[in-house]
C-alpha atoms as a PDB file:
ATOM      1  CA  MET A   1     -30.312 156.073 111.972  1.00  0.00           C
ATOM      2  CA  SER A   2     -33.119 153.914 111.957  1.00  0.00           C
ATOM      3  CA  ARG A   3     -33.388 150.981 109.598  1.00  0.00           C
ATOM      4  CA  ALA A   4     -36.111 152.624 107.288  1.00  0.00           C
ATOM      5  CA  ASP A   5     -34.000 155.804 106.999  1.00  0.00           C
ATOM      6  CA  GLY A   6     -30.994 153.673 106.095  1.00  0.00           C
ATOM      7  CA  ALA A   7     -32.746 151.666 103.734  1.00  0.00           C
ATOM      8  CA  ARG A   8     -34.163 154.777 102.092  1.00  0.00           C
ATOM      9  CA  GLN A   9     -30.856 156.473 101.547  1.00  0.00           C
ATOM     10  CA  THR A  10     -29.295 153.148  99.999  1.00  0.00           C
ATOM     11  CA  TRP A  11     -32.064 152.856  97.621  1.00  0.00           C
ATOM     12  CA  ARG A  12     -31.784 156.567  96.608  1.00  0.00           C
ATOM     13  CA  ARG A  13     -28.152 156.376  96.327  1.00  0.00           C
ATOM     14  CA  GLY A  14     -28.328 153.368  93.872  1.00  0.00           C
ATOM     15  CA  ILE A  15     -30.905 154.901  91.929  1.00  0.00           C
ATOM     16  CA  ARG A  16     -29.179 158.367  91.755  1.00  0.00           C
ATOM     17  CA  THR A  17     -26.189 156.910  90.179  1.00  0.00           C
ATOM     18  CA  ALA A  18     -28.020 154.603  88.022  1.00  0.00           C
ATOM     19  CA  LEU A  19     -26.172 151.215  90.125  1.00  0.00           C
ATOM     20  CA  LEU A  20     -29.181 148.852  88.952  1.00  0.00           C
ATOM     21  CA  LEU A  21     -28.849 145.819  86.510  1.00  0.00           C
ATOM     22  CA  ALA A  22     -32.044 144.281  85.060  1.00  0.00           C
ATOM     23  CA  ALA A  23     -32.526 141.293  82.787  1.00  0.00           C
ATOM     24  CA  PRO A  24     -34.998 142.644  79.946  1.00  0.00           C
ATOM     25  CA  LEU A  25     -38.314 140.850  80.354  1.00  0.00           C
ATOM     26  CA  LEU A  26     -40.205 140.162  77.042  1.00  0.00           C
ATOM     27  CA  LEU A  27     -43.636 141.872  76.659  1.00  0.00           C
ATOM     28  CA  ALA A  28     -46.021 141.220  74.087  1.00  0.00           C
ATOM     29  CA  GLY A  29     -45.817 143.497  71.137  1.00  0.00           C
ATOM     30  CA  CYS A  30     -48.985 145.290  69.637  1.00  0.00           C
ATOM     31  CA  ALA A  31     -50.904 143.452  66.909  1.00  0.00           C
ATOM     32  CA  ALA A  32     -52.001 146.561  65.250  1.00  0.00           C
ATOM     33  CA  THR A  33     -49.722 148.486  62.792  1.00  0.00           C
ATOM     34  CA  PRO A  34     -48.931 151.749  64.603  1.00  0.00           C
ATOM     35  CA  PRO A  35     -49.466 155.197  62.812  1.00  0.00           C
ATOM     36  CA  LEU A  36     -46.361 156.625  61.139  1.00  0.00           C
ATOM     37  CA  PRO A  37     -44.910 159.177  63.372  1.00  0.00           C
ATOM     38  CA  THR A  38     -43.778 162.686  62.465  1.00  0.00           C
ATOM     39  CA  ALA A  39     -40.045 163.479  62.319  1.00  0.00           C
ATOM     40  CA  PRO A  40     -38.977 164.598  65.555  1.00  0.00           C
ATOM     41  CA  PRO A  41     -38.235 168.257  66.278  1.00  0.00           C
ATOM     42  CA  GLY A  42     -34.683 169.111  66.030  1.00  0.00           C
ATOM     43  CA  ILE A  43     -33.939 166.480  63.331  1.00  0.00           C
ATOM     44  CA  ASP A  44     -32.965 166.526  59.498  1.00  0.00           C
ATOM     45  CA  THR A  45     -36.284 165.420  57.945  1.00  0.00           C
ATOM     46  CA  GLU A  46     -34.733 164.165  54.723  1.00  0.00           C
ATOM     47  CA  SER A  47     -32.590 161.576  56.803  1.00  0.00           C
ATOM     48  CA  PHE A  48     -35.694 160.444  58.587  1.00  0.00           C
ATOM     49  CA  ASP A  49     -37.898 157.755  57.301  1.00  0.00           C
ATOM     50  CA  GLY A  50     -41.091 157.753  59.308  1.00  0.00           C
ATOM     51  CA  ALA A  51     -42.073 154.247  58.404  1.00  0.00           C
ATOM     52  CA  SER A  52     -39.031 152.870  60.341  1.00  0.00           C
ATOM     53  CA  GLY A  53     -40.111 154.290  63.978  1.00  0.00           C
ATOM     54  CA  ASN A  54     -40.278 157.515  65.987  1.00  0.00           C
ATOM     55  CA  GLY A  55     -36.752 158.763  65.018  1.00  0.00           C
ATOM     56  CA  LEU A  56     -35.323 158.483  68.581  1.00  0.00           C
ATOM     57  CA  TRP A  57     -31.929 157.301  67.083  1.00  0.00           C
ATOM     58  CA  LEU A  58     -31.800 160.804  65.541  1.00  0.00           C
ATOM     59  CA  VAL A  59     -32.248 162.913  68.587  1.00  0.00           C
ATOM     60  CA  PRO A  60     -29.344 164.707  69.950  1.00  0.00           C
ATOM     61  CA  SER A  61     -27.781 162.725  73.088  1.00  0.00           C
ATOM     62  CA  ASN A  62     -28.422 165.567  75.452  1.00  0.00           C
ATOM     63  CA  GLU A  63     -32.254 165.458  74.650  1.00  0.00           C
ATOM     64  CA  LEU A  64     -32.962 161.756  74.836  1.00  0.00           C
ATOM     65  CA  ALA A  65     -33.762 161.622  78.526  1.00  0.00           C
ATOM     66  CA  ASP A  66     -36.278 164.506  78.071  1.00  0.00           C
ATOM     67  CA  ARG A  67     -37.628 162.741  75.273  1.00  0.00           C
ATOM     68  CA  VAL A  68     -38.299 159.516  77.131  1.00  0.00           C
ATOM     69  CA  LEU A  69     -39.529 161.394  79.832  1.00  0.00           C
ATOM     70  CA  ASP A  70     -41.995 163.295  77.754  1.00  0.00           C
ATOM     71  CA  ALA A  71     -43.379 160.055  76.853  1.00  0.00           C
ATOM     72  CA  VAL A  72     -43.719 158.891  80.209  1.00  0.00           C
ATOM     73  CA  ARG A  73     -45.834 161.852  81.343  1.00  0.00           C
ATOM     74  CA  GLY A  74     -48.108 161.500  78.563  1.00  0.00           C
ATOM     75  CA  GLY A  75     -48.441 157.745  79.008  1.00  0.00           C
ATOM     76  CA  GLY A  76     -50.937 157.541  81.595  1.00  0.00           C
ATOM     77  CA  SER A  77     -50.765 154.706  84.357  1.00  0.00           C
ATOM     78  CA  VAL A  78     -48.291 151.884  83.995  1.00  0.00           C
ATOM     79  CA  ALA A  79     -47.364 148.386  85.589  1.00  0.00           C
ATOM     80  CA  VAL A  80     -44.144 148.349  87.080  1.00  0.00           C
ATOM     81  CA  THR A  81     -42.749 144.920  88.568  1.00  0.00           C
ATOM     82  CA  GLY A  82     -39.335 143.538  89.276  1.00  0.00           C
ATOM     83  CA  THR A  83     -36.569 143.404  91.964  1.00  0.00           C
ATOM     84  CA  VAL A  84     -33.576 145.141  92.852  1.00  0.00           C
ATOM     85  CA  HIS A  85     -30.560 143.616  94.362  1.00  0.00           C
ATOM     86  CA  GLU A  86     -28.003 145.482  96.586  1.00  0.00           C
ATOM     87  CA  PHE A  87     -24.344 144.520  97.105  1.00  0.00           C
ATOM     88  CA  VAL A  88     -22.430 145.656  99.867  1.00  0.00           C
ATOM     89  CA  ALA A  89     -18.693 146.005 100.051  1.00  0.00           C
ATOM     90  CA  SER A  90     -16.840 144.272 102.823  1.00  0.00           C
ATOM     91  CA  GLU A  91     -13.929 145.683 104.818  1.00  0.00           C
ATOM     92  CA  ASP A  92     -11.657 144.094 102.314  1.00  0.00           C
ATOM     93  CA  GLY A  93     -13.447 145.404  99.182  1.00  0.00           C
ATOM     94  CA  GLU A  94     -15.236 142.130  98.448  1.00  0.00           C
ATOM     95  CA  LEU A  95     -18.776 142.796  97.126  1.00  0.00           C
ATOM     96  CA  LEU A  96     -21.205 140.773  99.194  1.00  0.00           C
ATOM     97  CA  PRO A  97     -24.929 140.401  98.840  1.00  0.00           C
ATOM     98  CA  GLY A  98     -27.476 142.995 100.534  1.00  0.00           C
ATOM     99  CA  ARG A  99     -30.830 143.534 100.436  1.00  0.00           C
ATOM    100  CA  THR A 100     -33.491 142.679  97.643  1.00  0.00           C
ATOM    101  CA  ILE A 101     -36.188 144.830  96.795  1.00  0.00           C
ATOM    102  CA  THR A 102     -39.401 143.922  95.324  1.00  0.00           C
ATOM    103  CA  VAL A 103     -41.589 145.989  93.301  1.00  0.00           C
ATOM    104  CA  ASP A 104     -45.182 145.568  92.450  1.00  0.00           C
ATOM    105  CA  TYR A 105     -46.622 148.972  91.144  1.00  0.00           C
ATOM    106  CA  ALA A 106     -49.629 149.803  89.139  1.00  0.00           C
ATOM    107  CA  GLY A 107     -50.855 153.583  88.405  1.00  0.00           C
ATOM    108  CA  ARG A 108     -49.117 157.131  88.112  1.00  0.00           C
ATOM    109  CA  ALA A 109     -47.920 159.790  90.448  1.00  0.00           C
ATOM    110  CA  GLY A 110     -51.007 160.756  92.640  1.00  0.00           C
ATOM    111  CA  ALA A 111     -53.115 157.407  91.786  1.00  0.00           C
ATOM    112  CA  PHE A 112     -51.488 154.339  92.507  1.00  0.00           C
ATOM    113  CA  ARG A 113     -51.319 151.179  94.309  1.00  0.00           C
ATOM    114  CA  ALA A 114     -47.956 149.121  95.301  1.00  0.00           C
ATOM    115  CA  ASP A 115     -46.536 146.538  97.393  1.00  0.00           C
ATOM    116  CA  LEU A 116     -43.053 146.963  98.111  1.00  0.00           C
ATOM    117  CA  ALA A 117     -40.689 144.925  99.948  1.00  0.00           C
ATOM    118  CA  ALA A 118     -37.139 144.617 101.314  1.00  0.00           C
ATOM    119  CA  ASP A 119     -35.570 142.024 103.330  1.00  0.00           C
ATOM    120  CA  GLY A 120     -37.591 141.939 106.298  1.00  0.00           C
ATOM    121  CA  ILE A 121     -39.840 144.690 105.738  1.00  0.00           C
ATOM    122  CA  SER A 122     -42.936 145.143 103.343  1.00  0.00           C
ATOM    123  CA  THR A 123     -45.459 147.865 102.755  1.00  0.00           C
ATOM    124  CA  SER A 124     -48.854 147.853 100.796  1.00  0.00           C
ATOM    125  CA  MET A 125     -50.080 151.104  99.778  1.00  0.00           C
ATOM    126  CA  LEU A 126     -52.896 153.028  97.861  1.00  0.00           C
ATOM    127  CA  VAL A 127     -52.975 156.519  96.882  1.00  0.00           C
ATOM    128  CA  ASP A 128     -55.659 158.070  95.179  1.00  0.00           C
ATOM    129  CA  GLU A 129     -56.407 161.725  94.576  1.00  0.00           C
ATOM    130  CA  GLY A 130     -56.225 162.944  98.082  1.00  0.00           C
ATOM    131  CA  ARG A 131     -56.736 159.829 100.043  1.00  0.00           C
ATOM    132  CA  THR A 132     -54.041 157.411 101.361  1.00  0.00           C
ATOM    133  CA  ALA A 133     -53.995 153.968 102.609  1.00  0.00           C
ATOM    134  CA  VAL A 134     -51.230 152.075 104.220  1.00  0.00           C
ATOM    135  CA  ARG A 135     -50.517 148.752 105.750  1.00  0.00           C
ATOM    136  CA  SER A 136     -46.998 147.441 106.866  1.00  0.00           C
ATOM    137  CA  ASP A 137     -45.778 144.239 108.336  1.00  0.00           C
ATOM    138  CA  ALA A 138     -44.388 144.559 112.165  1.00  0.00           C
ATOM    139  CA  ALA A 139     -40.719 145.031 111.120  1.00  0.00           C
ATOM    140  CA  PHE A 140     -41.387 148.085 108.943  1.00  0.00           C
ATOM    141  CA  ALA A 141     -43.938 149.496 111.747  1.00  0.00           C
ATOM    142  CA  ALA A 142     -41.422 149.110 114.353  1.00  0.00           C
ATOM    143  CA  ALA A 143     -38.495 150.712 112.352  1.00  0.00           C
ATOM    144  CA  SER A 144     -41.106 153.761 111.549  1.00  0.00           C
ATOM    145  CA  GLY A 145     -42.273 154.000 114.814  1.00  0.00           C
ATOM    146  CA  ARG A 146     -45.607 153.684 113.923  1.00  0.00           C
ATOM    147  CA  PRO A 147     -47.303 150.323 115.251  1.00  0.00           C
ATOM    148  CA  GLU A 148     -50.495 151.344 113.895  1.00  0.00           C
ATOM    149  CA  LEU A 149     -49.298 150.592 110.511  1.00  0.00           C
ATOM    150  CA  VAL A 150     -49.948 146.916 111.174  1.00  0.00           C
ATOM    151  CA  ASP A 151     -53.647 147.376 111.230  1.00  0.00           C
ATOM    152  CA  GLY A 152     -53.681 149.749 108.208  1.00  0.00           C
ATOM    153  CA  VAL A 153     -53.797 153.618 108.142  1.00  0.00           C
ATOM    154  CA  CYS A 154     -56.331 155.515 105.996  1.00  0.00           C
ATOM    155  CA  THR A 155     -55.755 159.312 105.970  1.00  0.00           C
ATOM    156  CA  VAL A 156     -56.611 162.372 103.790  1.00  0.00           C
ATOM    157  CA  GLY A 157     -53.678 163.605 102.162  1.00  0.00           C
ATOM    158  CA  THR A 158     -50.297 161.974 102.212  1.00  0.00           C
ATOM    159  CA  ASP A 159     -48.485 159.442 104.701  1.00  0.00           C
ATOM    160  CA  PRO A 160     -44.865 159.353 105.440  1.00  0.00           C
ATOM    161  CA  ALA A 161     -44.585 155.930 104.583  1.00  0.00           C
ATOM    162  CA  VAL A 162     -44.959 156.604 100.916  1.00  0.00           C
ATOM    163  CA  ALA A 163     -42.124 158.750 101.036  1.00  0.00           C
ATOM    164  CA  GLN A 164     -39.998 156.171 102.574  1.00  0.00           C
ATOM    165  CA  TRP A 165     -40.323 154.006  99.299  1.00  0.00           C
ATOM    166  CA  ALA A 166     -39.594 156.654  96.844  1.00  0.00           C
ATOM    167  CA  PRO A 167     -38.630 156.735  93.863  1.00  0.00           C
ATOM    168  CA  PHE A 168     -40.396 153.300  93.414  1.00  0.00           C
ATOM    169  CA  THR A 169     -43.820 154.929  94.210  1.00  0.00           C
ATOM    170  CA  ASP A 170     -43.445 157.275  90.822  1.00  0.00           C
ATOM    171  CA  PRO A 171     -42.139 155.787  87.494  1.00  0.00           C
ATOM    172  CA  GLU A 172     -41.606 159.150  86.209  1.00  0.00           C
ATOM    173  CA  ALA A 173     -39.292 160.071  89.124  1.00  0.00           C
ATOM    174  CA  LEU A 174     -37.531 156.740  89.002  1.00  0.00           C
ATOM    175  CA  LEU A 175     -36.599 156.988  85.271  1.00  0.00           C
ATOM    176  CA  GLU A 176     -35.682 160.740  85.755  1.00  0.00           C
ATOM    177  CA  ALA A 177     -33.276 160.017  88.503  1.00  0.00           C
ATOM    178  CA  ILE A 178     -31.530 157.299  86.138  1.00  0.00           C
ATOM    179  CA  LEU A 179     -31.429 159.139  83.016  1.00  0.00           C
ATOM    180  CA  SER A 180     -30.915 162.795  83.563  1.00  0.00           C
ATOM    181  CA  GLY A 181     -27.263 163.484  83.481  1.00  0.00           C
ATOM    182  CA  ALA A 182     -26.363 160.152  82.303  1.00  0.00           C
ATOM    183  CA  GLU A 183     -24.800 159.645  78.745  1.00  0.00           C
ATOM    184  CA  LEU A 184     -27.565 158.115  76.633  1.00  0.00           C
ATOM    185  CA  SER A 185     -27.302 156.997  72.932  1.00  0.00           C
ATOM    186  CA  VAL A 186     -29.596 154.895  70.860  1.00  0.00           C
ATOM    187  CA  THR A 187     -28.673 152.958  67.789  1.00  0.00           C
ATOM    188  CA  ALA A 188     -30.499 153.174  64.524  1.00  0.00           C
ATOM    189  CA  PRO A 189     -33.024 149.962  64.321  1.00  0.00           C
ATOM    190  CA  SER A 190     -32.605 147.125  61.866  1.00  0.00           C
ATOM    191  CA  GLY A 191     -35.312 144.763  60.837  1.00  0.00           C
ATOM    192  CA  ASP A 192     -38.739 144.537  61.938  1.00  0.00           C
ATOM    193  CA  GLY A 193     -38.291 144.893  65.921  1.00  0.00           C
ATOM    194  CA  GLU A 194     -40.862 146.821  67.918  1.00  0.00           C
ATOM    195  CA  THR A 195     -38.071 148.262  70.222  1.00  0.00           C
ATOM    196  CA  LEU A 196     -35.542 150.551  70.408  1.00  0.00           C
ATOM    197  CA  ALA A 197     -32.200 150.191  73.091  1.00  0.00           C
ATOM    198  CA  VAL A 198     -31.354 153.292  74.836  1.00  0.00           C
ATOM    199  CA  GLN A 199     -27.460 152.559  75.988  1.00  0.00           C
ATOM    200  CA  ILE A 200     -27.116 154.105  79.337  1.00  0.00           C
ATOM    201  CA  GLY A 201     -23.297 155.208  80.102  1.00  0.00           C
ATOM    202  CA  ALA A 202     -20.353 155.754  77.850  1.00  0.00           C
ATOM    203  CA  SER A 203     -19.694 153.371  75.002  1.00  0.00           C
ATOM    204  CA  ASP A 204     -16.686 151.795  76.545  1.00  0.00           C
ATOM    205  CA  SER A 205     -18.224 151.279  80.123  1.00  0.00           C
ATOM    206  CA  ARG A 206     -22.075 150.773  79.543  1.00  0.00           C
ATOM    207  CA  ALA A 207     -24.127 150.941  82.772  1.00  0.00           C
ATOM    208  CA  GLY A 208     -27.307 149.514  81.083  1.00  0.00           C
ATOM    209  CA  VAL A 209     -30.246 149.533  78.649  1.00  0.00           C
ATOM    210  CA  LEU A 210     -33.547 151.075  78.568  1.00  0.00           C
ATOM    211  CA  VAL A 211     -35.862 149.291  75.935  1.00  0.00           C
ATOM    212  CA  VAL A 212     -38.615 151.469  74.719  1.00  0.00           C
ATOM    213  CA  GLU A 213     -40.869 151.260  71.940  1.00  0.00           C
ATOM    214  CA  ARG A 214     -39.843 151.925  68.460  1.00  0.00           C
ATOM    215  CA  TYR A 215     -43.151 153.224  67.013  1.00  0.00           C
ATOM    216  CA  GLY A 216     -45.286 156.190  68.731  1.00  0.00           C
ATOM    217  CA  PRO A 217     -44.034 157.545  71.603  1.00  0.00           C
ATOM    218  CA  PRO A 218     -40.732 155.810  73.170  1.00  0.00           C
ATOM    219  CA  LEU A 219     -42.329 154.267  76.391  1.00  0.00           C
ATOM    220  CA  PRO A 220     -40.153 152.125  78.379  1.00  0.00           C
ATOM    221  CA  ARG A 221     -40.763 148.238  78.222  1.00  0.00           C
ATOM    222  CA  THR A 222     -37.696 147.225  80.597  1.00  0.00           C
ATOM    223  CA  LEU A 223     -34.607 148.611  82.402  1.00  0.00           C
ATOM    224  CA  THR A 224     -31.327 147.135  82.426  1.00  0.00           C
ATOM    225  CA  LEU A 225     -28.490 148.640  84.921  1.00  0.00           C
ATOM    226  CA  ALA A 226     -25.405 147.323  86.317  1.00  0.00           C
ATOM    227  CA  GLU A 227     -22.904 148.822  88.474  1.00  0.00           C
ATOM    228  CA  THR A 228     -21.089 147.771  91.664  1.00  0.00           C
ATOM    229  CA  ASP A 229     -23.964 148.588  94.289  1.00  0.00           C
ATOM    230  CA  GLY A 230     -26.442 146.271  92.691  1.00  0.00           C
ATOM    231  CA  ASP A 231     -28.522 144.605  90.212  1.00  0.00           C
ATOM    232  CA  ALA A 232     -32.186 144.878  89.369  1.00  0.00           C
ATOM    233  CA  GLU A 233     -34.915 143.439  86.821  1.00  0.00           C
ATOM    234  CA  LEU A 234     -37.712 145.874  86.042  1.00  0.00           C
ATOM    235  CA  ALA A 235     -40.343 145.505  83.442  1.00  0.00           C
ATOM    236  CA  PHE A 236     -43.066 148.356  82.284  1.00  0.00           C
ATOM    237  CA  ALA A 237     -46.183 147.214  80.930  1.00  0.00           C
ATOM    238  CA  ASP A 238     -50.129 147.973  80.506  1.00  0.00           C
ATOM    239  CA  TRP A 239     -49.122 151.791  79.537  1.00  0.00           C
ATOM    240  CA  GLY A 240     -52.284 153.886  79.418  1.00  0.00           C
ATOM    241  CA  ALA A 241     -54.497 150.923  80.814  1.00  0.00           C
ATOM    242  CA  GLU A 242     -57.425 152.068  82.914  1.00  0.00           C
ATOM    243  CA  LEU A 243     -56.858 151.592  86.388  1.00  0.00           C
ATOM    244  CA  GLU A 244     -59.471 150.275  89.224  1.00  0.00           C
ATOM    245  CA  LEU A 245     -58.170 151.316  92.714  1.00  0.00           C
ATOM    246  CA  ASP A 246     -61.321 150.625  94.748  1.00  0.00           C
ATOM    247  CA  PRO A 247     -60.190 146.755  95.274  1.00  0.00           C
ATOM    248  CA  ALA A 248     -56.971 147.996  96.659  1.00  0.00           C
ATOM    249  CA  ALA A 249     -58.578 150.268  98.998  1.00  0.00           C
ATOM    250  CA  ALA A 250     -60.909 147.616 100.199  1.00  0.00           C
ATOM    251  CA  GLU A 251     -58.277 144.923 100.637  1.00  0.00           C
ATOM    252  CA  LEU A 252     -56.287 147.843 103.046  1.00  0.00           C
ATOM    253  CA  GLY A 253     -59.751 148.360 104.869  1.00  0.00           C
ATOM    254  CA  CYS A 254     -60.333 151.813 103.365  1.00  0.00           C
ATOM    255  CA  GLU A 255     -63.431 151.586 101.427  1.00  0.00           C
END
C-alpha cells in the first residue's frame, strides 16, 4: 500500500466513525436581527416560539442530521479551516501521536480551492466547474507516482489527487460522514446566544459537538469531536460569500 493510499484510508476511517476532536473557534455573530423563522415541519407549533430561534431543539433526533445537511446544501460556499491530529495505538495499547492534517478550504463541491497537508506531504488544488489544477510537494508526488504534480497539473475534468484528500474537499460529504447514523441531540437554548450545540454521541459518552446557527438555517460554525483515533479543530465561516477562484488558478499556473 502506498503512503498516499494509507493516509486516505486512515482519514476516511476517522471521519466515518467520528473519531475527531475540535475545540470551538469563536466566530463573529451577525449584527443584524435575523428574521423570525417558521416552525420546522413535524413539530407541535404550540410549543414553538419563533422568536427563540429556528426550533432545531424540537426536531426529532433521527431527523437532525438531515436538517443540518439541508442547511449546508443551501448555504452556498464556505470557508473551512483547522487541524486533525491522529493517534496510533502501539503494540502495548498506548496511544501515540500520529499525523497532523491541516485544512484550508474555501468554496463548495464543484467549485473550491484548498490547501491540504499531512506530515511530510501537501497539496494545493483548485476545482472550478469542469477545470482542475493541482500542485503538490515532492513527497506527495512521489507517493502518488506522479512527478508532474510538483510543477502543477491543469486538466479539464477531475484529477485523482483531489479524491485522495476526500472528504476534506467537500464540506457536505465531511459532515454527512460524521452525522449520519450518529446519535444526535440538541438542548433548548437559554439566554441570548446566537448558536445551538448539536451533541454527537450518547448522553453518557459524548463524541463531540457541532455548533450551528440558532437563527435561520442551522449552518455549522465549529465542529468538536473526540475519540481514541484522534482529535481535530475545524471551523466553518463565510457561508454564502462570493468566491473568486481566478487568483488561485493563476497561483497554480492555470490561468
